[in-house]
């Protein structure tokens, strides 16, 4: 799968249809529970779908459990689950979302799209059972130092975290280094020239 100028290519017709049905459900539910900003509804495919999908290519091919924190409207976790139906059928995806209305939306999409290996946990991240994730993701959820605390709880030994961050990502990394040690790779975003995806491993408290 490749992403160019914010658009997918090389995905099957079935995956494209699932994404289109997901977009339709999101537009239907959004007025009631504000899943995404109304200003970005016309840019779902480029602003949210492609931005989420780029994380898939950064994950280890051998990953078996992907956990998405604060999934909200499903970004990036539900997009990852849809893509993995085609590209990684053995991947289990777990979405953690404490807002009951949003969790209900996520379960509705999972059911209507026939996604087989996706679970929704409607609990606070810090209260959910440790997940032993091979890959942990979170988008627009919290500063990096707080995300690392979640990673400490939910990552399996040797697991990695993928956190999209905006133009001031370096400041967040520097602040986090006061309390944490980690290995980090900065991958330029394919959808925002000022953003990156931070790929982190070896996370431990100082």
Protein backbone atom coordinates (compact mmCIF):
# COMPACT_ATOMS: atom_id res chain seq x y z
CA UNK A 1 0.00 0.00 0.00
CA UNK A 2 1.24 3.48 -0.83
CA UNK A 3 0.06 6.98 -0.01
CA UNK A 4 0.76 9.78 -2.45
CA UNK A 5 -0.46 13.37 -2.07
CA UNK A 6 -2.88 12.25 0.62
CA UNK A 7 -4.51 9.48 -1.44
CA UNK A 8 -4.38 5.69 -1.27
CA UNK A 9 -3.22 3.50 -4.09
CA UNK A 10 -2.78 -0.25 -4.49
CA UNK A 11 -5.67 -1.15 -2.18
CA UNK A 12 -8.33 -3.61 -3.22
CA UNK A 13 -11.85 -2.67 -4.26
CA UNK A 14 -13.13 -4.25 -1.04
CA UNK A 15 -10.86 -2.08 1.12
CA UNK A 16 -11.85 1.04 -0.84
CA UNK A 17 -15.52 0.17 -0.36
CA UNK A 18 -15.05 -0.36 3.37
CA UNK A 19 -13.36 3.02 3.70
CA UNK A 20 -16.18 4.66 1.77
CA UNK A 21 -18.80 3.03 4.02
CA UNK A 22 -16.82 4.11 7.09
CA UNK A 23 -16.77 7.69 5.76
CA UNK A 24 -20.54 7.59 5.20
CA UNK A 25 -21.16 6.35 8.75
CA UNK A 26 -18.87 9.00 10.16
CA UNK A 27 -20.68 11.77 8.31
CA UNK A 28 -24.01 10.36 9.51
CA UNK A 29 -23.01 10.19 13.18
CA UNK A 30 -20.85 13.31 13.36
CA UNK A 31 -23.60 15.90 13.96
CA UNK A 32 -24.73 14.01 17.07
CA UNK A 33 -21.41 13.18 18.76
CA UNK A 34 -18.75 15.37 17.08
CA UNK A 35 -16.32 12.67 15.97
CA UNK A 36 -14.26 15.07 13.85
CA UNK A 37 -14.25 18.81 13.29
CA UNK A 38 -17.02 19.84 10.88
CA UNK A 39 -14.43 21.84 8.96
CA UNK A 40 -12.60 18.61 8.06
CA UNK A 41 -15.62 16.51 7.01
CA UNK A 42 -15.01 17.29 3.34
CA UNK A 43 -11.40 16.19 3.73
CA UNK A 44 -11.93 12.87 5.49
CA UNK A 45 -9.98 10.82 2.96
CA UNK A 46 -6.93 13.12 2.94
CA UNK A 47 -7.06 14.76 6.37
CA UNK A 48 -7.95 11.69 8.45
CA UNK A 49 -7.83 8.43 6.46
CA UNK A 50 -4.49 8.87 4.69
CA UNK A 51 -2.95 10.48 7.78
CA UNK A 52 -3.92 7.40 9.78
CA UNK A 53 -2.99 4.86 7.11
CA UNK A 54 0.63 6.01 6.89
CA UNK A 55 1.25 4.48 10.33
CA UNK A 56 0.55 1.01 8.97
CA UNK A 57 3.71 1.03 6.84
CA UNK A 58 5.86 1.94 9.89
CA UNK A 59 4.78 -1.06 11.96
CA UNK A 60 6.82 -4.27 12.11
CA UNK A 61 5.51 -6.90 9.69
CA UNK A 62 5.53 -9.47 12.50
CA UNK A 63 3.26 -7.42 14.79
CA UNK A 64 0.25 -9.37 16.04
CA UNK A 65 -1.49 -6.92 18.41
CA UNK A 66 -2.05 -3.23 17.66
CA UNK A 67 -3.58 -1.05 20.37
CA UNK A 68 -4.93 2.40 19.60
CA UNK A 69 -5.41 4.80 22.51
CA UNK A 70 -8.23 7.35 22.68
CA UNK A 71 -9.60 6.16 19.34
CA UNK A 72 -12.44 8.70 19.17
CA UNK A 73 -13.88 8.51 15.66
CA UNK A 74 -11.45 5.71 14.79
CA UNK A 75 -8.21 7.47 13.90
CA UNK A 76 -5.85 5.84 13.40
CA UNK A 77 -7.05 2.54 14.87
CA UNK A 78 -10.15 1.83 12.77
CA UNK A 79 -8.35 2.77 9.55
CA UNK A 80 -5.55 0.37 10.57
CA UNK A 81 -8.13 -2.36 11.19
CA UNK A 82 -9.68 -1.86 7.75
CA UNK A 83 -6.30 -1.95 6.01
CA UNK A 84 -5.16 -5.00 7.98
CA UNK A 85 -8.12 -7.03 6.68
CA UNK A 86 -6.27 -7.00 3.35
CA UNK A 87 -2.60 -6.64 4.31
CA UNK A 88 -2.27 -8.25 7.76
CA UNK A 89 -5.22 -10.60 8.38
CA UNK A 90 -3.65 -12.03 11.55
CA UNK A 91 -3.35 -8.63 13.23
CA UNK A 92 -5.59 -8.08 16.25
CA UNK A 93 -6.58 -4.41 16.69
CA UNK A 94 -7.80 -3.08 20.05
CA UNK A 95 -9.41 0.34 20.32
CA UNK A 96 -9.49 1.98 23.76
CA UNK A 97 -12.11 4.73 24.03
CA UNK A 98 -13.68 5.85 27.31
CA UNK A 99 -16.48 7.95 25.76
CA UNK A 100 -19.46 5.58 25.61
CA UNK A 101 -21.06 7.28 22.61
CA UNK A 102 -17.85 7.10 20.60
CA UNK A 103 -17.30 3.48 21.66
CA UNK A 104 -20.82 2.70 20.40
CA UNK A 105 -19.98 4.35 17.07
CA UNK A 106 -16.78 2.30 16.76
CA UNK A 107 -18.66 -0.95 17.44
CA UNK A 108 -21.30 0.03 14.87
CA UNK A 109 -18.66 0.55 12.18
CA UNK A 110 -16.93 -2.72 13.08
CA UNK A 111 -20.23 -4.60 12.81
CA UNK A 112 -21.44 -2.96 9.60
CA UNK A 113 -18.07 -3.38 7.86
CA UNK A 114 -17.70 -6.99 8.98
CA UNK A 115 -14.30 -6.45 10.58
CA UNK A 116 -13.23 -9.67 12.25
CA UNK A 117 -10.25 -8.97 14.50
CA UNK A 118 -11.18 -5.70 16.22
CA UNK A 119 -12.17 -5.12 19.85
CA UNK A 120 -13.36 -1.95 21.59
CA UNK A 121 -12.52 -1.40 25.26
CA UNK A 122 -14.70 1.36 26.74
CA UNK A 123 -12.48 2.32 29.67
CA UNK A 124 -9.96 4.96 30.61
CA UNK A 125 -6.52 4.19 29.23
CA UNK A 126 -4.92 4.10 32.67
CA UNK A 127 -7.66 1.80 34.01
CA UNK A 128 -7.76 -0.72 31.14
CA UNK A 129 -5.93 -3.99 31.69
CA UNK A 130 -2.35 -3.94 30.32
CA UNK A 131 -2.62 -4.91 26.67
CA UNK A 132 0.83 -6.31 25.80
CA UNK A 133 0.73 -4.47 22.48
CA UNK A 134 3.31 -4.99 19.76
CA UNK A 135 2.31 -1.58 18.35
CA UNK A 136 0.76 1.30 20.26
CA UNK A 137 -0.71 4.35 18.53
CA UNK A 138 -2.40 7.59 19.54
CA UNK A 139 -3.34 10.60 17.44
CA UNK A 140 -3.95 14.09 18.86
CA UNK A 141 -4.42 12.63 22.34
CA UNK A 142 -1.82 14.00 24.77
CA UNK A 143 1.73 15.38 25.09
CA UNK A 144 4.51 12.87 24.50
CA UNK A 145 5.56 12.55 28.16
CA UNK A 146 2.02 11.46 29.08
CA UNK A 147 1.80 9.10 26.10
CA UNK A 148 4.97 7.39 27.29
CA UNK A 149 3.27 6.64 30.60
CA UNK A 150 0.49 4.91 28.67
CA UNK A 151 3.09 3.06 26.62
CA UNK A 152 4.79 1.82 29.79
CA UNK A 153 1.47 0.26 30.83
CA UNK A 154 0.27 -1.20 27.54
CA UNK A 155 3.33 -2.13 25.43
CA UNK A 156 4.76 -5.63 25.31
CA UNK A 157 8.52 -5.96 25.83
CA UNK A 158 10.15 -4.95 22.55
CA UNK A 159 6.99 -3.22 21.32
CA UNK A 160 6.99 0.12 19.53
CA UNK A 161 4.87 3.26 19.68
CA UNK A 162 3.73 5.35 16.71
CA UNK A 163 2.66 8.89 17.60
CA UNK A 164 1.85 11.49 14.91
CA UNK A 165 2.99 14.93 16.05
CA UNK A 166 2.88 18.44 14.63
CA UNK A 167 5.52 21.08 13.92
CA UNK A 168 6.57 21.47 17.60
CA UNK A 169 7.35 17.78 18.04
CA UNK A 170 10.99 18.47 18.99
CA UNK A 171 9.87 20.44 22.04
CA UNK A 172 7.75 17.49 23.18
CA UNK A 173 10.64 15.08 22.71
CA UNK A 174 12.98 17.29 24.74
CA UNK A 175 10.46 17.65 27.57
CA UNK A 176 9.87 13.90 27.64
CA UNK A 177 13.61 13.24 27.94
CA UNK A 178 13.53 14.79 31.41
CA UNK A 179 11.58 11.76 32.70
CA UNK A 180 12.05 9.05 30.10
CA UNK A 181 14.65 7.37 27.97
CA UNK A 182 13.75 5.97 24.58
CA UNK A 183 14.92 5.41 21.04
CA UNK A 184 13.16 7.63 18.52
CA UNK A 185 12.95 7.86 14.74
CA UNK A 186 11.28 10.83 13.06
CA UNK A 187 9.35 9.91 9.92
CA UNK A 188 8.14 12.85 7.86
CA UNK A 189 4.39 12.87 7.48
CA UNK A 190 3.07 12.04 4.02
CA UNK A 191 0.06 14.31 4.52
CA UNK A 192 1.49 17.36 6.34
CA UNK A 193 4.93 18.78 5.48
CA UNK A 194 5.33 20.21 8.99
CA UNK A 195 4.38 17.03 10.85
CA UNK A 196 6.14 13.77 11.71
CA UNK A 197 5.32 10.32 12.99
CA UNK A 198 7.47 9.50 16.00
CA UNK A 199 8.45 5.83 16.13
CA UNK A 200 9.63 5.01 19.65
CA UNK A 201 11.10 1.94 21.27
CA UNK A 202 13.11 1.02 24.35
CA UNK A 203 10.82 3.15 26.54
CA UNK A 204 11.77 3.31 30.21
CA UNK A 205 11.57 5.78 33.06
CA UNK A 206 14.75 7.67 33.94
